[in-house]
Amino acid sequence: MFQNRNITISVVTVNFNNVDGLSRTIRSVLGQTFRRSIEFIIIDGGSDDGSVELVNEVSHQIDFSLVEKDSGIFDAMNKGINAASGDYIYFLNSGDIFYDKFVIEKVIDSIPQGLRGYLILEGRTNAFYNKEFKFEINNSPWVCHQSVFVCSELLKMLLFDPTFKVYGDLDLWIRISAISEFNPIQIEVNVCNFELGGVGNNPKVWLRRLADKQLLVKKHNLKSNVLQEYVKSVIGYVIYRCFGLNFYYEKYTPFLQYLRAKFN
């Protein structure tokens, strides 16, 4: 679809009051070997912890930045999509870092020639907690957004639904599958070291996640066992309270990934 040497990837970083994580992410992006192929975009939700000052310090190395309040992470991600002009969009949010300095180079070299239609390129992502490796993300049956590079045209057409606070990415994948076969192209690239602890995987906010999942089920008329989701979330919360987050991420989350891959 594109001549590889001319491909540009818009790397979008969304941040709110996470200056230390944002600093790590910025260094990771700016250290990429194919820097000329990156359009770097930072969307900040109005931080007051020094994040805005950090963005201003490196503004000469950022292609676009926006600081304003938003209604949640998916609203902020939509702002990044609207600002992007690259062929693909990739979300590397504050705290997450590229696997190594060659990621963008490897991804661009991995893009098959002659493809048509909407493309999603899927690599591998490792999950960390407190900077310690916990497990590799299992992208089945859907994908983790830290694993994928999505054709800009597709994202600009659909956008995220900001009504969701947790499952906006899953909502997007379901809507993509309604207009095109959801079949990401596998690329043999380790893409990202993803930091656990956000609202999408934190057992402390299980009620919020459960409410969002019910909204997803209702919107798409999905067959879902709400009781099963409730029991799974309660067990996860009890495990977190008894054994801590480190045990939760190291043992319970990989077990849930195994079950999801086995029975979906």
Protein backbone atom coordinates (compact mmCIF):
# COMPACT_ATOMS: atom_id res chain seq x y z
CA MET A 1 0.00 0.00 0.00
CA PHE A 2 2.88 2.36 0.74
CA GLN A 3 6.51 2.44 -0.22
CA ASN A 4 8.09 1.59 3.13
CA ARG A 5 10.64 4.37 3.10
CA ASN A 6 7.86 6.95 2.88
CA ILE A 7 5.72 5.59 5.71
CA THR A 8 5.13 7.84 8.71
CA ILE A 9 3.86 6.59 12.05
CA SER A 10 2.05 9.00 14.35
CA VAL A 11 3.02 8.09 17.92
CA VAL A 12 0.39 9.53 20.26
CA THR A 13 1.09 9.87 23.98
CA VAL A 14 -1.80 10.69 26.32
CA ASN A 15 -0.92 11.93 29.78
CA PHE A 16 -2.49 13.27 32.95
CA ASN A 17 -0.45 13.95 36.09
CA ASN A 18 2.17 11.30 35.41
CA VAL A 19 5.30 13.37 34.86
CA ASP A 20 7.72 10.54 35.69
CA GLY A 21 5.99 8.15 33.30
CA LEU A 22 5.75 10.84 30.64
CA SER A 23 9.49 11.50 30.93
CA ARG A 24 10.26 7.81 30.32
CA THR A 25 7.91 7.71 27.34
CA ILE A 26 9.35 10.85 25.76
CA ARG A 27 12.90 9.51 26.04
CA SER A 28 11.78 6.24 24.49
CA VAL A 29 10.19 7.95 21.47
CA LEU A 30 12.99 10.44 20.90
CA GLY A 31 15.56 7.64 21.08
CA GLN A 32 14.12 5.70 18.14
CA THR A 33 16.48 5.06 15.22
CA PHE A 34 13.84 5.97 12.60
CA ARG A 35 13.01 9.29 14.25
CA ARG A 36 12.40 10.89 10.84
CA SER A 37 9.52 8.45 10.30
CA ILE A 38 7.76 9.45 13.54
CA GLU A 39 5.20 12.18 14.03
CA PHE A 40 5.25 12.65 17.82
CA ILE A 41 2.02 13.91 19.42
CA ILE A 42 1.42 14.56 23.12
CA ILE A 43 -2.07 15.16 24.52
CA ASP A 44 -2.19 16.29 28.15
CA GLY A 45 -5.42 16.58 30.11
CA GLY A 46 -4.37 19.68 32.04
CA SER A 47 -1.77 18.24 34.41
CA ASP A 48 -0.51 20.23 37.39
CA ASP A 49 2.40 17.98 38.40
CA GLY A 50 5.08 19.38 36.10
CA SER A 51 4.02 17.44 32.99
CA VAL A 52 3.14 20.58 31.06
CA GLU A 53 6.49 22.15 31.87
CA LEU A 54 8.22 18.97 30.68
CA VAL A 55 6.33 19.09 27.38
CA ASN A 56 7.32 22.73 26.94
CA GLU A 57 10.98 21.86 27.56
CA VAL A 58 11.04 19.38 24.68
CA SER A 59 8.53 21.18 22.45
CA HIS A 60 11.15 21.60 19.72
CA GLN A 61 11.28 17.79 19.42
CA ILE A 62 7.51 17.26 19.45
CA ASP A 63 5.44 17.66 16.29
CA PHE A 64 2.19 18.53 18.04
CA SER A 65 1.09 19.02 21.65
CA LEU A 66 -2.21 19.96 23.23
CA VAL A 67 -2.94 20.77 26.86
CA GLU A 68 -6.60 20.96 27.80
CA LYS A 69 -9.13 19.16 29.96
CA ASP A 70 -10.84 16.10 28.53
CA SER A 71 -13.66 13.76 29.49
CA GLY A 72 -11.42 10.71 29.85
CA ILE A 73 -8.65 8.78 28.15
CA PHE A 74 -10.61 7.95 25.00
CA ASP A 75 -11.60 11.58 24.49
CA ALA A 76 -7.89 12.45 24.76
CA MET A 77 -6.95 9.65 22.35
CA ASN A 78 -9.48 10.99 19.84
CA LYS A 79 -7.74 14.36 20.00
CA GLY A 80 -4.51 12.58 19.12
CA ILE A 81 -6.18 10.82 16.21
CA ASN A 82 -7.59 14.08 14.85
CA ALA A 83 -4.16 15.73 15.06
CA ALA A 84 -2.31 12.85 13.40
CA SER A 85 -1.16 12.98 9.77
CA GLY A 86 0.86 9.75 9.60
CA ASP A 87 -0.02 6.61 7.67
CA TYR A 88 -0.42 4.64 10.90
CA ILE A 89 -1.28 5.68 14.45
CA TYR A 90 0.23 4.08 17.53
CA PHE A 91 -0.64 4.91 21.16
CA LEU A 92 2.27 4.91 23.58
CA ASN A 93 0.72 6.49 26.64
CA SER A 94 2.64 7.96 29.56
CA GLY A 95 4.58 5.32 31.47
CA ASP A 96 4.80 2.93 28.52
CA ILE A 97 8.03 2.63 26.55
CA PHE A 98 9.12 1.02 23.31
CA TYR A 99 10.79 -2.37 23.71
CA ASP A 100 14.04 -0.99 22.27
CA LYS A 101 15.29 1.84 20.07
CA PHE A 102 14.73 -0.14 16.86
CA VAL A 103 10.95 -0.70 17.16
CA ILE A 104 9.75 1.83 14.57
CA GLU A 105 12.48 0.76 12.16
CA LYS A 106 11.52 -2.91 12.54
CA VAL A 107 7.79 -2.19 12.20
CA ILE A 108 8.25 -0.21 8.98
CA ASP A 109 10.50 -2.91 7.55
CA SER A 110 7.86 -5.53 8.46
CA ILE A 111 4.98 -3.91 6.57
CA PRO A 112 4.09 -6.16 3.62
CA GLN A 113 4.03 -4.53 0.20
CA GLY A 114 0.99 -4.55 -2.06
CA LEU A 115 -1.68 -4.80 0.65
CA ARG A 116 -5.05 -3.12 0.24
CA GLY A 117 -7.80 -2.12 2.62
CA TYR A 118 -7.69 -1.18 6.26
CA LEU A 119 -4.66 -2.51 8.05
CA ILE A 120 -3.87 -3.32 11.65
CA LEU A 121 -0.31 -4.41 12.33
CA GLU A 122 0.06 -6.48 15.50
CA GLY A 123 3.31 -7.05 17.36
CA ARG A 124 4.13 -8.32 20.84
CA THR A 125 3.76 -6.44 24.12
CA ASN A 126 5.21 -7.22 27.54
CA ALA A 127 3.40 -6.25 30.74
CA PHE A 128 5.37 -4.79 33.64
CA TYR A 129 4.50 -3.70 37.16
CA ASN A 130 6.86 -1.46 39.12
CA LYS A 131 9.27 -1.91 36.21
CA GLU A 132 9.36 -5.70 36.71
CA PHE A 133 8.31 -8.03 33.87
CA LYS A 134 5.12 -9.97 34.62
CA PHE A 135 3.88 -11.58 31.40
CA GLU A 136 3.48 -11.20 27.65
CA ILE A 137 0.09 -9.84 26.59
CA ASN A 138 -2.11 -12.49 24.98
CA ASN A 139 -3.83 -10.78 22.02
CA SER A 140 -6.70 -13.23 21.74
CA PRO A 141 -9.47 -12.93 20.68
CA TRP A 142 -8.94 -9.14 20.58
CA VAL A 143 -5.80 -7.05 20.81
CA CYS A 144 -4.17 -4.72 23.31
CA HIS A 145 -3.82 -1.22 21.83
CA GLN A 146 -0.16 -1.12 22.91
CA SER A 147 0.42 -4.00 20.49
CA VAL A 148 -1.01 -2.49 17.33
CA PHE A 149 -0.36 0.10 14.64
CA VAL A 150 -3.66 1.06 13.01
CA CYS A 151 -4.20 2.66 9.61
CA SER A 152 -4.95 6.34 10.24
CA GLU A 153 -7.82 6.40 7.75
CA LEU A 154 -9.64 3.74 9.73
CA LEU A 155 -9.17 5.44 13.10
CA LYS A 156 -10.18 8.84 11.77
CA MET A 157 -13.35 7.35 10.36
CA LEU A 158 -14.43 5.50 13.50
CA LEU A 159 -12.72 7.19 16.48
CA PHE A 160 -13.12 5.92 20.04
CA ASP A 161 -16.45 6.23 21.81
CA PRO A 162 -15.66 8.54 24.77
CA THR A 163 -18.72 7.25 26.61
CA PHE A 164 -16.50 4.35 27.64
CA LYS A 165 -13.95 4.89 30.38
CA VAL A 166 -12.34 1.42 30.28
CA TYR A 167 -13.42 -0.63 27.25
CA GLY A 168 -13.27 2.00 24.52
CA ASP A 169 -10.60 0.02 22.69
CA LEU A 170 -12.68 -3.17 22.75
CA ASP A 171 -15.68 -1.20 21.50
CA LEU A 172 -13.51 0.03 18.61
CA TRP A 173 -12.35 -3.49 17.67
CA ILE A 174 -15.98 -4.68 17.65
CA ARG A 175 -16.99 -1.80 15.37
CA ILE A 176 -14.07 -2.52 13.05
CA SER A 177 -15.14 -6.16 12.82
CA ALA A 178 -18.61 -5.00 11.73
CA ILE A 179 -17.24 -3.32 8.59
CA SER A 180 -14.21 -5.46 7.88
CA GLU A 181 -12.79 -8.78 8.95
CA PHE A 182 -10.88 -8.20 12.18
CA ASN A 183 -7.68 -9.95 11.21
CA PRO A 184 -4.57 -8.00 12.25
CA ILE A 185 -1.41 -8.68 10.29
CA GLN A 186 1.15 -10.33 12.55
CA ILE A 187 4.60 -8.78 12.63
CA GLU A 188 7.48 -10.42 14.48
CA VAL A 189 8.38 -7.36 16.50
CA ASN A 190 8.53 -6.79 20.26
CA VAL A 191 6.80 -3.43 20.40
CA CYS A 192 6.16 -2.18 23.90
CA ASN A 193 6.81 -2.57 27.61
CA PHE A 194 3.39 -1.77 29.01
CA GLU A 195 3.07 -0.58 32.62
CA LEU A 196 0.18 -2.20 34.50
CA GLY A 197 -1.84 -0.33 37.09
CA GLY A 198 -4.18 1.76 34.96
CA VAL A 199 -7.96 1.70 35.18
CA GLY A 200 -8.21 -0.99 32.50
CA ASN A 201 -6.48 -3.64 34.63
CA ASN A 202 -6.55 -2.36 38.21
CA PRO A 203 -8.61 -4.54 40.59
CA LYS A 204 -9.24 -1.54 42.85
CA VAL A 205 -11.75 -0.14 40.34
CA TRP A 206 -13.52 -3.39 39.47
CA LEU A 207 -16.98 -1.88 39.86
CA ARG A 208 -16.19 0.81 37.28
CA ARG A 209 -14.88 -1.82 34.87
CA LEU A 210 -17.95 -3.99 35.41
CA ALA A 211 -20.29 -1.05 34.67
CA ASP A 212 -18.34 -0.30 31.50
CA LYS A 213 -18.52 -3.94 30.41
CA GLN A 214 -22.30 -3.90 30.88
CA LEU A 215 -22.46 -0.77 28.72
CA LEU A 216 -20.45 -2.58 26.04
CA VAL A 217 -22.75 -5.61 26.14
CA LYS A 218 -25.81 -3.40 25.81
CA LYS A 219 -24.41 -1.29 22.96
CA HIS A 220 -23.46 -4.25 20.80
CA ASN A 221 -26.14 -6.69 21.94
CA LEU A 222 -23.45 -9.14 22.99
CA LYS A 223 -23.96 -12.46 24.67
CA SER A 224 -22.16 -12.09 27.95
CA ASN A 225 -22.49 -13.78 31.32
CA VAL A 226 -22.69 -10.77 33.61
CA LEU A 227 -22.66 -12.99 36.69
CA GLN A 228 -19.43 -14.59 35.46
CA GLU A 229 -17.87 -11.15 34.99
CA TYR A 230 -18.99 -10.17 38.47
CA VAL A 231 -17.55 -13.29 40.09
CA LYS A 232 -14.27 -12.91 38.22
CA SER A 233 -13.97 -9.30 39.33
CA VAL A 234 -14.81 -10.04 42.96
CA ILE A 235 -12.27 -12.87 43.08
CA GLY A 236 -9.67 -10.54 41.60
CA TYR A 237 -10.42 -7.87 44.17
CA VAL A 238 -10.16 -10.38 47.03
CA ILE A 239 -6.84 -11.67 45.68
CA TYR A 240 -5.53 -8.10 45.46
CA ARG A 241 -6.65 -7.31 49.02
CA CYS A 242 -5.14 -10.49 50.44
CA PHE A 243 -1.92 -10.75 48.45
CA GLY A 244 -1.30 -7.33 46.88
CA LEU A 245 -1.05 -5.97 43.36
CA ASN A 246 2.23 -7.68 42.57
CA PHE A 247 0.73 -11.14 43.17
CA TYR A 248 -2.45 -10.13 41.29
CA TYR A 249 -0.51 -9.17 38.17
CA GLU A 250 2.02 -11.98 38.38
CA LYS A 251 -0.42 -14.87 38.99
CA TYR A 252 -4.08 -13.99 38.58
CA THR A 253 -3.93 -11.86 35.42
CA PRO A 254 -1.91 -14.44 33.39
CA PHE A 255 -4.40 -17.09 34.55
CA LEU A 256 -7.31 -15.01 33.22
CA GLN A 257 -5.43 -14.55 29.93
CA TYR A 258 -5.01 -18.31 29.67
CA LEU A 259 -8.74 -18.88 30.23
CA ARG A 260 -9.68 -16.20 27.70
CA ALA A 261 -7.46 -17.72 25.03
CA LYS A 262 -8.70 -21.23 25.76
CA PHE A 263 -12.43 -20.59 25.77
CA ASN A 264 -12.92 -17.68 23.34
